[in-house]
């Protein structure tokens, strides 16, 4: 069974360059039912599962536009699925498409089909495939990914907003914070940005992709299951390394570098420096600490209970 459907000649031209959407049949694999997902969660290591709270409860309004780490230890797969259906919860099962054999078979087939449809030897490096399981009230705040990203939506109703990749919507300083690890991936957002967004209603069976660094956000309308494919390309690695150099120049030396207005020679030089700095671990001085602020509790409203004192994640 071919997994990607409705691919057109225009998709081949737009791939990686424009916001685009095609159909897929991932739901037909049987790997994304509630029972299959619960079994998958039981097999996956805890350190590769992120359970995040996106609180809507008025008691937690100060956290409304954040994703906060939840301590889910002791919960089995069925409990996690129940929590995602009942609470303000977003579950990211990282690298499951790479590590569990049945899911890896699907990821490998998607790669083969993309190579066939988008062009032989298309540049996709270090691809990671994760599964997102999220509550009807969940949302992914306005952010930018340092990787190339394909969102394969499988079940439920999800609304994606993709914004222009300009300094208004994504200042250099904001993307520098992402590649340095100061911020998870969040970017300052204004409601009026929506006037310039491309909006896609996803009902299950669509893959949507956008150019590298394009700011975007996602809102659930119902309980949702999706697969996210993240990978690097030669171009994205080049940009990220150069932006790391600019970020250190801005933070450590008070400079105001611009990637947009830099010459190609300057970009090449800064990208080379950035690769060296990454190998030396220069970004470690800027990385944020992941603090647990909620505990998963089936007896609590929405399965979430705030911890008395936040603590660093160690699981």
C-alpha atoms as a PDB file:
ATOM      1  CA  UNK A   1       0.000   0.000   0.000  1.00  0.00           C
ATOM      2  CA  UNK A   2       1.354   3.378  -0.992  1.00  0.00           C
ATOM      3  CA  UNK A   3       1.223   5.767   1.974  1.00  0.00           C
ATOM      4  CA  UNK A   4       1.452   9.170   0.240  1.00  0.00           C
ATOM      5  CA  UNK A   5      -1.495  10.164  -1.950  1.00  0.00           C
ATOM      6  CA  UNK A   6      -2.526  13.116  -4.133  1.00  0.00           C
ATOM      7  CA  UNK A   7       1.055  14.157  -4.958  1.00  0.00           C
ATOM      8  CA  UNK A   8       1.174  16.587  -7.896  1.00  0.00           C
ATOM      9  CA  UNK A   9       3.855  18.125 -10.101  1.00  0.00           C
ATOM     10  CA  UNK A  10       3.298  21.379  -8.207  1.00  0.00           C
ATOM     11  CA  UNK A  11       4.068  19.587  -4.935  1.00  0.00           C
ATOM     12  CA  UNK A  12       7.402  18.507  -6.390  1.00  0.00           C
ATOM     13  CA  UNK A  13       8.197  22.140  -7.223  1.00  0.00           C
ATOM     14  CA  UNK A  14       7.018  23.441  -3.817  1.00  0.00           C
ATOM     15  CA  UNK A  15       8.587  20.742  -1.627  1.00  0.00           C
ATOM     16  CA  UNK A  16      10.796  22.370   1.018  1.00  0.00           C
ATOM     17  CA  UNK A  17      10.216  25.836  -0.442  1.00  0.00           C
ATOM     18  CA  UNK A  18       6.536  26.622   0.185  1.00  0.00           C
ATOM     19  CA  UNK A  19       3.779  25.643   2.599  1.00  0.00           C
ATOM     20  CA  UNK A  20       2.236  22.556   1.031  1.00  0.00           C
ATOM     21  CA  UNK A  21      -0.101  19.675   1.879  1.00  0.00           C
ATOM     22  CA  UNK A  22      -0.629  16.178   0.462  1.00  0.00           C
ATOM     23  CA  UNK A  23      -2.708  13.173   1.504  1.00  0.00           C
ATOM     24  CA  UNK A  24      -1.507  10.035   3.299  1.00  0.00           C
ATOM     25  CA  UNK A  25      -2.823   6.684   4.591  1.00  0.00           C
ATOM     26  CA  UNK A  26      -0.961   6.276   7.887  1.00  0.00           C
ATOM     27  CA  UNK A  27      -4.205   5.570   9.736  1.00  0.00           C
ATOM     28  CA  UNK A  28      -4.688   2.446   7.598  1.00  0.00           C
ATOM     29  CA  UNK A  29      -1.537   0.865   9.114  1.00  0.00           C
ATOM     30  CA  UNK A  30      -3.371   0.133  12.383  1.00  0.00           C
ATOM     31  CA  UNK A  31      -0.463   1.585  14.381  1.00  0.00           C
ATOM     32  CA  UNK A  32      -2.315   4.676  15.581  1.00  0.00           C
ATOM     33  CA  UNK A  33      -5.417   3.282  17.330  1.00  0.00           C
ATOM     34  CA  UNK A  34      -5.784   3.894  21.081  1.00  0.00           C
ATOM     35  CA  UNK A  35      -4.797   0.306  21.877  1.00  0.00           C
ATOM     36  CA  UNK A  36      -1.777   0.372  19.568  1.00  0.00           C
ATOM     37  CA  UNK A  37      -0.617   3.704  20.990  1.00  0.00           C
ATOM     38  CA  UNK A  38      -0.999   2.485  24.593  1.00  0.00           C
ATOM     39  CA  UNK A  39       1.097  -0.597  23.811  1.00  0.00           C
ATOM     40  CA  UNK A  40       3.694   1.563  22.081  1.00  0.00           C
ATOM     41  CA  UNK A  41       3.921   3.877  25.125  1.00  0.00           C
ATOM     42  CA  UNK A  42       4.429   0.911  27.463  1.00  0.00           C
ATOM     43  CA  UNK A  43       7.451  -0.174  25.401  1.00  0.00           C
ATOM     44  CA  UNK A  44       9.065   3.249  24.990  1.00  0.00           C
ATOM     45  CA  UNK A  45      11.726   4.552  27.427  1.00  0.00           C
ATOM     46  CA  UNK A  46      10.599   7.359  29.742  1.00  0.00           C
ATOM     47  CA  UNK A  47      13.442   9.693  28.782  1.00  0.00           C
ATOM     48  CA  UNK A  48      12.075   9.776  25.214  1.00  0.00           C
ATOM     49  CA  UNK A  49       8.515  10.635  26.271  1.00  0.00           C
ATOM     50  CA  UNK A  50       7.593  14.256  26.981  1.00  0.00           C
ATOM     51  CA  UNK A  51       4.291  14.816  28.743  1.00  0.00           C
ATOM     52  CA  UNK A  52       3.561  18.531  28.722  1.00  0.00           C
ATOM     53  CA  UNK A  53       0.778  20.530  30.304  1.00  0.00           C
ATOM     54  CA  UNK A  54      -0.852  23.368  28.375  1.00  0.00           C
ATOM     55  CA  UNK A  55      -3.159  24.564  31.167  1.00  0.00           C
ATOM     56  CA  UNK A  56      -6.550  26.099  30.444  1.00  0.00           C
ATOM     57  CA  UNK A  57      -7.745  25.951  34.076  1.00  0.00           C
ATOM     58  CA  UNK A  58      -8.127  29.453  35.535  1.00  0.00           C
ATOM     59  CA  UNK A  59      -5.912  28.428  38.467  1.00  0.00           C
ATOM     60  CA  UNK A  60      -2.970  28.203  36.076  1.00  0.00           C
ATOM     61  CA  UNK A  61      -3.539  31.266  33.889  1.00  0.00           C
ATOM     62  CA  UNK A  62       0.041  32.448  34.375  1.00  0.00           C
ATOM     63  CA  UNK A  63       1.116  29.382  32.395  1.00  0.00           C
ATOM     64  CA  UNK A  64      -1.515  29.600  29.665  1.00  0.00           C
ATOM     65  CA  UNK A  65       0.901  30.130  26.749  1.00  0.00           C
ATOM     66  CA  UNK A  66       3.547  27.686  27.940  1.00  0.00           C
ATOM     67  CA  UNK A  67       4.173  23.957  27.707  1.00  0.00           C
ATOM     68  CA  UNK A  68       5.187  22.706  31.149  1.00  0.00           C
ATOM     69  CA  UNK A  69       6.861  19.391  31.939  1.00  0.00           C
ATOM     70  CA  UNK A  70       4.720  16.797  33.702  1.00  0.00           C
ATOM     71  CA  UNK A  71       6.072  13.971  35.883  1.00  0.00           C
ATOM     72  CA  UNK A  72       4.231  10.943  34.472  1.00  0.00           C
ATOM     73  CA  UNK A  73       6.189   8.189  36.234  1.00  0.00           C
ATOM     74  CA  UNK A  74       3.993   5.273  37.249  1.00  0.00           C
ATOM     75  CA  UNK A  75       1.421   5.841  34.497  1.00  0.00           C
ATOM     76  CA  UNK A  76       0.949   3.099  31.905  1.00  0.00           C
ATOM     77  CA  UNK A  77       0.061   3.642  28.267  1.00  0.00           C
ATOM     78  CA  UNK A  78      -3.704   3.409  28.757  1.00  0.00           C
ATOM     79  CA  UNK A  79      -3.559   6.006  31.538  1.00  0.00           C
ATOM     80  CA  UNK A  80      -1.543   8.361  29.337  1.00  0.00           C
ATOM     81  CA  UNK A  81      -4.082   8.033  26.516  1.00  0.00           C
ATOM     82  CA  UNK A  82      -6.925   8.676  28.980  1.00  0.00           C
ATOM     83  CA  UNK A  83      -5.083  11.734  30.310  1.00  0.00           C
ATOM     84  CA  UNK A  84      -4.614  13.108  26.803  1.00  0.00           C
ATOM     85  CA  UNK A  85      -8.332  12.723  26.116  1.00  0.00           C
ATOM     86  CA  UNK A  86      -9.427  14.295  29.414  1.00  0.00           C
ATOM     87  CA  UNK A  87      -6.855  16.936  30.287  1.00  0.00           C
ATOM     88  CA  UNK A  88      -4.836  19.837  28.954  1.00  0.00           C
ATOM     89  CA  UNK A  89      -2.030  17.528  27.913  1.00  0.00           C
ATOM     90  CA  UNK A  90       0.313  17.178  24.945  1.00  0.00           C
ATOM     91  CA  UNK A  91       2.417  13.991  24.664  1.00  0.00           C
ATOM     92  CA  UNK A  92       5.465  13.830  22.422  1.00  0.00           C
ATOM     93  CA  UNK A  93       6.821  10.306  21.955  1.00  0.00           C
ATOM     94  CA  UNK A  94      10.254  11.070  20.541  1.00  0.00           C
ATOM     95  CA  UNK A  95      12.086   8.801  18.086  1.00  0.00           C
ATOM     96  CA  UNK A  96       9.463   6.065  18.272  1.00  0.00           C
ATOM     97  CA  UNK A  97       9.370   5.898  14.478  1.00  0.00           C
ATOM     98  CA  UNK A  98      13.101   5.136  14.555  1.00  0.00           C
ATOM     99  CA  UNK A  99      13.206   2.712  17.481  1.00  0.00           C
ATOM    100  CA  UNK A 100      10.146   0.458  17.389  1.00  0.00           C
ATOM    101  CA  UNK A 101      10.284  -1.936  14.388  1.00  0.00           C
ATOM    102  CA  UNK A 102       6.689  -1.666  13.149  1.00  0.00           C
ATOM    103  CA  UNK A 103       6.843   2.140  13.209  1.00  0.00           C
ATOM    104  CA  UNK A 104      10.328   2.210  11.662  1.00  0.00           C
ATOM    105  CA  UNK A 105       8.994   0.231   8.702  1.00  0.00           C
ATOM    106  CA  UNK A 106       6.465   3.018   8.094  1.00  0.00           C
ATOM    107  CA  UNK A 107       9.083   5.761   8.421  1.00  0.00           C
ATOM    108  CA  UNK A 108      11.394   3.963   5.986  1.00  0.00           C
ATOM    109  CA  UNK A 109       8.550   3.651   3.482  1.00  0.00           C
ATOM    110  CA  UNK A 110       7.736   7.356   3.780  1.00  0.00           C
ATOM    111  CA  UNK A 111      11.383   8.173   3.061  1.00  0.00           C
ATOM    112  CA  UNK A 112      11.362   5.953  -0.006  1.00  0.00           C
ATOM    113  CA  UNK A 113       8.144   7.470  -1.311  1.00  0.00           C
ATOM    114  CA  UNK A 114       9.344  11.043  -0.692  1.00  0.00           C
ATOM    115  CA  UNK A 115      12.552  10.308  -2.544  1.00  0.00           C
ATOM    116  CA  UNK A 116      10.582   8.931  -5.439  1.00  0.00           C
ATOM    117  CA  UNK A 117       8.093  11.810  -5.532  1.00  0.00           C
ATOM    118  CA  UNK A 118      10.228  14.805  -4.514  1.00  0.00           C
ATOM    119  CA  UNK A 119      13.333  13.754  -6.417  1.00  0.00           C
ATOM    120  CA  UNK A 120      16.108  11.211  -6.047  1.00  0.00           C
ATOM    121  CA  UNK A 121      18.657  11.791  -3.260  1.00  0.00           C
ATOM    122  CA  UNK A 122      16.617  14.572  -1.675  1.00  0.00           C
ATOM    123  CA  UNK A 123      18.614  15.981   1.224  1.00  0.00           C
ATOM    124  CA  UNK A 124      17.156  14.541   4.471  1.00  0.00           C
ATOM    125  CA  UNK A 125      19.646  13.895   7.278  1.00  0.00           C
ATOM    126  CA  UNK A 126      19.330  12.445  10.783  1.00  0.00           C
ATOM    127  CA  UNK A 127      15.560  12.069  10.466  1.00  0.00           C
ATOM    128  CA  UNK A 128      13.640  11.538  13.690  1.00  0.00           C
ATOM    129  CA  UNK A 129      10.005  10.520  13.782  1.00  0.00           C
ATOM    130  CA  UNK A 130       7.875  11.196  16.851  1.00  0.00           C
ATOM    131  CA  UNK A 131       4.201  10.667  17.620  1.00  0.00           C
ATOM    132  CA  UNK A 132       2.093  13.466  19.114  1.00  0.00           C
ATOM    133  CA  UNK A 133      -0.944  12.537  21.227  1.00  0.00           C
ATOM    134  CA  UNK A 134      -2.810  15.610  22.419  1.00  0.00           C
ATOM    135  CA  UNK A 135      -5.912  16.758  24.260  1.00  0.00           C
ATOM    136  CA  UNK A 136      -8.862  18.544  22.628  1.00  0.00           C
ATOM    137  CA  UNK A 137      -7.768  21.729  24.424  1.00  0.00           C
ATOM    138  CA  UNK A 138      -4.062  21.371  23.650  1.00  0.00           C
ATOM    139  CA  UNK A 139      -2.176  23.836  21.503  1.00  0.00           C
ATOM    140  CA  UNK A 140       1.382  24.270  20.364  1.00  0.00           C
ATOM    141  CA  UNK A 141       2.390  27.899  21.004  1.00  0.00           C
ATOM    142  CA  UNK A 142       3.848  30.118  18.294  1.00  0.00           C
ATOM    143  CA  UNK A 143       7.332  28.794  17.578  1.00  0.00           C
ATOM    144  CA  UNK A 144      10.004  28.003  15.012  1.00  0.00           C
ATOM    145  CA  UNK A 145      11.776  24.673  14.483  1.00  0.00           C
ATOM    146  CA  UNK A 146      15.533  24.488  13.900  1.00  0.00           C
ATOM    147  CA  UNK A 147      14.864  21.343  11.850  1.00  0.00           C
ATOM    148  CA  UNK A 148      12.868  20.788   8.690  1.00  0.00           C
ATOM    149  CA  UNK A 149       9.457  19.540   9.799  1.00  0.00           C
ATOM    150  CA  UNK A 150       6.660  17.500   8.202  1.00  0.00           C
ATOM    151  CA  UNK A 151       3.445  17.136  10.216  1.00  0.00           C
ATOM    152  CA  UNK A 152       1.600  13.933   9.260  1.00  0.00           C
ATOM    153  CA  UNK A 153      -1.813  14.392  10.848  1.00  0.00           C
ATOM    154  CA  UNK A 154      -3.627  11.096  11.463  1.00  0.00           C
ATOM    155  CA  UNK A 155      -6.672  11.472  13.744  1.00  0.00           C
ATOM    156  CA  UNK A 156      -8.832  14.338  14.963  1.00  0.00           C
ATOM    157  CA  UNK A 157      -9.296  17.976  13.970  1.00  0.00           C
ATOM    158  CA  UNK A 158      -6.237  20.203  14.186  1.00  0.00           C
ATOM    159  CA  UNK A 159      -5.787  23.757  12.893  1.00  0.00           C
ATOM    160  CA  UNK A 160      -2.310  24.855  11.790  1.00  0.00           C
ATOM    161  CA  UNK A 161      -1.209  28.474  11.294  1.00  0.00           C
ATOM    162  CA  UNK A 162       1.992  29.098   9.296  1.00  0.00           C
ATOM    163  CA  UNK A 163       3.473  32.606   9.136  1.00  0.00           C
ATOM    164  CA  UNK A 164       5.901  34.418   6.812  1.00  0.00           C
ATOM    165  CA  UNK A 165       9.587  33.957   7.530  1.00  0.00           C
ATOM    166  CA  UNK A 166      10.529  37.629   8.017  1.00  0.00           C
ATOM    167  CA  UNK A 167      12.096  39.702  10.787  1.00  0.00           C
ATOM    168  CA  UNK A 168       8.618  40.858  11.855  1.00  0.00           C
ATOM    169  CA  UNK A 169       7.461  37.306  12.553  1.00  0.00           C
ATOM    170  CA  UNK A 170      10.834  35.777  13.481  1.00  0.00           C
ATOM    171  CA  UNK A 171      13.582  38.203  14.573  1.00  0.00           C
ATOM    172  CA  UNK A 172      17.130  36.871  14.296  1.00  0.00           C
ATOM    173  CA  UNK A 173      17.562  37.183  18.068  1.00  0.00           C
ATOM    174  CA  UNK A 174      14.598  34.852  18.636  1.00  0.00           C
ATOM    175  CA  UNK A 175      15.928  32.106  16.355  1.00  0.00           C
ATOM    176  CA  UNK A 176      19.393  32.502  17.890  1.00  0.00           C
ATOM    177  CA  UNK A 177      17.814  31.782  21.286  1.00  0.00           C
ATOM    178  CA  UNK A 178      16.419  28.532  19.870  1.00  0.00           C
ATOM    179  CA  UNK A 179      19.679  27.223  18.393  1.00  0.00           C
ATOM    180  CA  UNK A 180      21.518  28.187  21.590  1.00  0.00           C
ATOM    181  CA  UNK A 181      18.940  26.397  23.743  1.00  0.00           C
ATOM    182  CA  UNK A 182      17.828  29.473  25.712  1.00  0.00           C
ATOM    183  CA  UNK A 183      14.259  28.856  24.577  1.00  0.00           C
ATOM    184  CA  UNK A 184      12.591  25.558  23.718  1.00  0.00           C
ATOM    185  CA  UNK A 185      11.302  26.821  20.360  1.00  0.00           C
ATOM    186  CA  UNK A 186       8.855  29.548  21.395  1.00  0.00           C
ATOM    187  CA  UNK A 187       8.900  32.958  19.707  1.00  0.00           C
ATOM    188  CA  UNK A 188       7.155  36.229  20.771  1.00  0.00           C
ATOM    189  CA  UNK A 189       3.641  36.287  19.289  1.00  0.00           C
ATOM    190  CA  UNK A 190       1.041  38.969  18.582  1.00  0.00           C
ATOM    191  CA  UNK A 191      -2.594  38.140  17.685  1.00  0.00           C
ATOM    192  CA  UNK A 192      -2.434  40.443  14.654  1.00  0.00           C
ATOM    193  CA  UNK A 193       0.125  38.055  13.134  1.00  0.00           C
ATOM    194  CA  UNK A 194      -2.810  35.797  12.261  1.00  0.00           C
ATOM    195  CA  UNK A 195      -3.849  38.208   9.493  1.00  0.00           C
ATOM    196  CA  UNK A 196      -0.762  37.082   7.558  1.00  0.00           C
ATOM    197  CA  UNK A 197      -0.956  33.364   8.319  1.00  0.00           C
ATOM    198  CA  UNK A 198      -1.727  30.470   6.020  1.00  0.00           C
ATOM    199  CA  UNK A 199      -4.375  28.479   7.900  1.00  0.00           C
ATOM    200  CA  UNK A 200      -4.941  24.765   7.323  1.00  0.00           C
ATOM    201  CA  UNK A 201      -7.735  22.695   8.887  1.00  0.00           C
ATOM    202  CA  UNK A 202      -6.450  19.138   9.227  1.00  0.00           C
ATOM    203  CA  UNK A 203      -9.037  16.388   9.707  1.00  0.00           C
ATOM    204  CA  UNK A 204      -6.741  13.351   9.516  1.00  0.00           C
ATOM    205  CA  UNK A 205      -4.983  12.012   6.434  1.00  0.00           C
ATOM    206  CA  UNK A 206      -2.962  15.143   5.557  1.00  0.00           C
ATOM    207  CA  UNK A 207       0.734  15.940   5.641  1.00  0.00           C
ATOM    208  CA  UNK A 208       1.600  19.630   5.866  1.00  0.00           C
ATOM    209  CA  UNK A 209       5.120  21.001   5.559  1.00  0.00           C
ATOM    210  CA  UNK A 210       6.705  24.447   5.434  1.00  0.00           C
ATOM    211  CA  UNK A 211      10.124  25.990   4.718  1.00  0.00           C
ATOM    212  CA  UNK A 212      12.842  25.799   7.372  1.00  0.00           C
ATOM    213  CA  UNK A 213      12.371  28.242  10.283  1.00  0.00           C
ATOM    214  CA  UNK A 214       8.838  29.279   9.244  1.00  0.00           C
ATOM    215  CA  UNK A 215       7.023  30.345  12.453  1.00  0.00           C
ATOM    216  CA  UNK A 216       3.861  28.369  13.138  1.00  0.00           C
ATOM    217  CA  UNK A 217       1.415  27.362  15.831  1.00  0.00           C
ATOM    218  CA  UNK A 218      -1.204  24.631  16.109  1.00  0.00           C
ATOM    219  CA  UNK A 219      -4.553  24.456  17.911  1.00  0.00           C
ATOM    220  CA  UNK A 220      -6.546  21.296  18.558  1.00  0.00           C
ATOM    221  CA  UNK A 221     -10.272  21.242  17.957  1.00  0.00           C
ATOM    222  CA  UNK A 222     -10.555  17.629  19.163  1.00  0.00           C
ATOM    223  CA  UNK A 223      -8.368  14.835  20.551  1.00  0.00           C
ATOM    224  CA  UNK A 224      -5.561  14.405  18.007  1.00  0.00           C
ATOM    225  CA  UNK A 225      -2.879  11.964  16.940  1.00  0.00           C
ATOM    226  CA  UNK A 226      -0.117  13.035  14.562  1.00  0.00           C
ATOM    227  CA  UNK A 227       3.354  11.988  13.500  1.00  0.00           C
ATOM    228  CA  UNK A 228       6.120  14.568  13.187  1.00  0.00           C
ATOM    229  CA  UNK A 229       9.100  13.957  10.921  1.00  0.00           C
ATOM    230  CA  UNK A 230      12.077  16.181  11.780  1.00  0.00           C
ATOM    231  CA  UNK A 231      15.365  16.218   9.887  1.00  0.00           C
ATOM    232  CA  UNK A 232      18.273  18.398   8.882  1.00  0.00           C
ATOM    233  CA  UNK A 233      19.372  19.389   5.408  1.00  0.00           C
ATOM    234  CA  UNK A 234      22.656  20.844   4.244  1.00  0.00           C
ATOM    235  CA  UNK A 235      20.982  24.256   4.079  1.00  0.00           C
ATOM    236  CA  UNK A 236      19.315  24.090   7.513  1.00  0.00           C
ATOM    237  CA  UNK A 237      22.567  22.963   9.157  1.00  0.00           C
ATOM    238  CA  UNK A 238      24.401  25.822   7.416  1.00  0.00           C
ATOM    239  CA  UNK A 239      21.885  28.413   8.654  1.00  0.00           C
ATOM    240  CA  UNK A 240      21.695  27.045  12.208  1.00  0.00           C
ATOM    241  CA  UNK A 241      25.473  27.077  12.628  1.00  0.00           C
ATOM    242  CA  UNK A 242      25.728  30.646  11.339  1.00  0.00           C
ATOM    243  CA  UNK A 243      22.882  31.802  13.581  1.00  0.00           C
ATOM    244  CA  UNK A 244      24.644  30.217  16.576  1.00  0.00           C
ATOM    245  CA  UNK A 245      27.700  32.341  15.853  1.00  0.00           C
ATOM    246  CA  UNK A 246      25.517  35.454  15.567  1.00  0.00           C
ATOM    247  CA  UNK A 247      23.763  34.571  18.828  1.00  0.00           C
ATOM    248  CA  UNK A 248      27.030  34.379  20.744  1.00  0.00           C
ATOM    249  CA  UNK A 249      28.242  37.632  19.159  1.00  0.00           C
ATOM    250  CA  UNK A 250      24.995  39.323  20.238  1.00  0.00           C
ATOM    251  CA  UNK A 251      24.972  37.951  23.798  1.00  0.00           C
ATOM    252  CA  UNK A 252      28.630  37.876  24.711  1.00  0.00           C
ATOM    253  CA  UNK A 253      30.011  40.846  22.794  1.00  0.00           C
ATOM    254  CA  UNK A 254      27.029  43.175  22.401  1.00  0.00           C
ATOM    255  CA  UNK A 255      27.070  43.036  18.596  1.00  0.00           C
ATOM    256  CA  UNK A 256      23.973  43.342  16.396  1.00  0.00           C
ATOM    257  CA  UNK A 257      24.584  40.875  13.557  1.00  0.00           C
ATOM    258  CA  UNK A 258      22.073  40.254  10.769  1.00  0.00           C
ATOM    259  CA  UNK A 259      21.792  36.961   8.907  1.00  0.00           C
ATOM    260  CA  UNK A 260      19.391  38.406   6.342  1.00  0.00           C
ATOM    261  CA  UNK A 261      21.752  41.197   5.257  1.00  0.00           C
ATOM    262  CA  UNK A 262      25.033  39.281   5.547  1.00  0.00           C
ATOM    263  CA  UNK A 263      27.067  38.556   2.419  1.00  0.00           C
ATOM    264  CA  UNK A 264      27.522  34.958   1.313  1.00  0.00           C
ATOM    265  CA  UNK A 265      31.195  35.073   2.353  1.00  0.00           C
ATOM    266  CA  UNK A 266      30.205  36.278   5.836  1.00  0.00           C
ATOM    267  CA  UNK A 267      27.572  33.533   6.084  1.00  0.00           C
ATOM    268  CA  UNK A 268      30.038  30.817   5.084  1.00  0.00           C
ATOM    269  CA  UNK A 269      32.593  32.065   7.621  1.00  0.00           C
ATOM    270  CA  UNK A 270      30.062  32.278  10.440  1.00  0.00           C
ATOM    271  CA  UNK A 271      28.652  28.858   9.657  1.00  0.00           C
ATOM    272  CA  UNK A 272      32.143  27.352   9.840  1.00  0.00           C
ATOM    273  CA  UNK A 273      32.723  29.054  13.202  1.00  0.00           C
ATOM    274  CA  UNK A 274      29.319  27.892  14.449  1.00  0.00           C
ATOM    275  CA  UNK A 275      30.095  24.242  13.669  1.00  0.00           C
ATOM    276  CA  UNK A 276      33.323  24.506  15.667  1.00  0.00           C
ATOM    277  CA  UNK A 277      31.546  26.241  18.565  1.00  0.00           C
ATOM    278  CA  UNK A 278      28.902  23.505  18.650  1.00  0.00           C
ATOM    279  CA  UNK A 279      31.548  20.786  18.823  1.00  0.00           C
ATOM    280  CA  UNK A 280      33.182  22.683  21.695  1.00  0.00           C
ATOM    281  CA  UNK A 281      29.824  22.867  23.512  1.00  0.00           C
ATOM    282  CA  UNK A 282      29.643  26.677  23.487  1.00  0.00           C
ATOM    283  CA  UNK A 283      25.826  26.552  23.516  1.00  0.00           C
ATOM    284  CA  UNK A 284      25.799  24.726  26.866  1.00  0.00           C
ATOM    285  CA  UNK A 285      26.264  28.036  28.697  1.00  0.00           C
ATOM    286  CA  UNK A 286      22.888  29.218  27.395  1.00  0.00           C
ATOM    287  CA  UNK A 287      20.700  26.127  27.794  1.00  0.00           C
ATOM    288  CA  UNK A 288      17.629  26.387  29.990  1.00  0.00           C
ATOM    289  CA  UNK A 289      16.823  23.969  32.806  1.00  0.00           C
ATOM    290  CA  UNK A 290      13.794  21.698  32.302  1.00  0.00           C
ATOM    291  CA  UNK A 291      11.709  22.062  35.473  1.00  0.00           C
ATOM    292  CA  UNK A 292       8.818  19.768  36.392  1.00  0.00           C
ATOM    293  CA  UNK A 293       5.785  21.806  37.515  1.00  0.00           C
ATOM    294  CA  UNK A 294       2.979  19.227  37.318  1.00  0.00           C
ATOM    295  CA  UNK A 295       2.416  15.621  38.330  1.00  0.00           C
ATOM    296  CA  UNK A 296       0.120  13.324  36.358  1.00  0.00           C
ATOM    297  CA  UNK A 297      -2.693  12.372  38.751  1.00  0.00           C
ATOM    298  CA  UNK A 298      -5.745  10.379  37.534  1.00  0.00           C
ATOM    299  CA  UNK A 299      -7.720  11.599  40.564  1.00  0.00           C
ATOM    300  CA  UNK A 300      -7.170  15.298  39.742  1.00  0.00           C
ATOM    301  CA  UNK A 301      -9.216  17.427  37.367  1.00  0.00           C
ATOM    302  CA  UNK A 302      -7.723  17.077  33.905  1.00  0.00           C
ATOM    303  CA  UNK A 303      -5.213  14.532  35.281  1.00  0.00           C
ATOM    304  CA  UNK A 304      -2.935  17.404  36.376  1.00  0.00           C
ATOM    305  CA  UNK A 305      -1.769  18.338  39.867  1.00  0.00           C
ATOM    306  CA  UNK A 306       0.708  21.154  40.454  1.00  0.00           C
ATOM    307  CA  UNK A 307       3.809  20.190  42.434  1.00  0.00           C
ATOM    308  CA  UNK A 308       4.580  22.159  45.580  1.00  0.00           C
ATOM    309  CA  UNK A 309       8.135  22.961  44.502  1.00  0.00           C
ATOM    310  CA  UNK A 310       9.326  22.657  40.872  1.00  0.00           C
ATOM    311  CA  UNK A 311      12.234  20.257  40.361  1.00  0.00           C
ATOM    312  CA  UNK A 312      14.604  19.409  37.543  1.00  0.00           C
ATOM    313  CA  UNK A 313      13.551  16.541  35.280  1.00  0.00           C
ATOM    314  CA  UNK A 314      15.657  13.413  35.866  1.00  0.00           C
ATOM    315  CA  UNK A 315      13.606  10.661  34.230  1.00  0.00           C
END
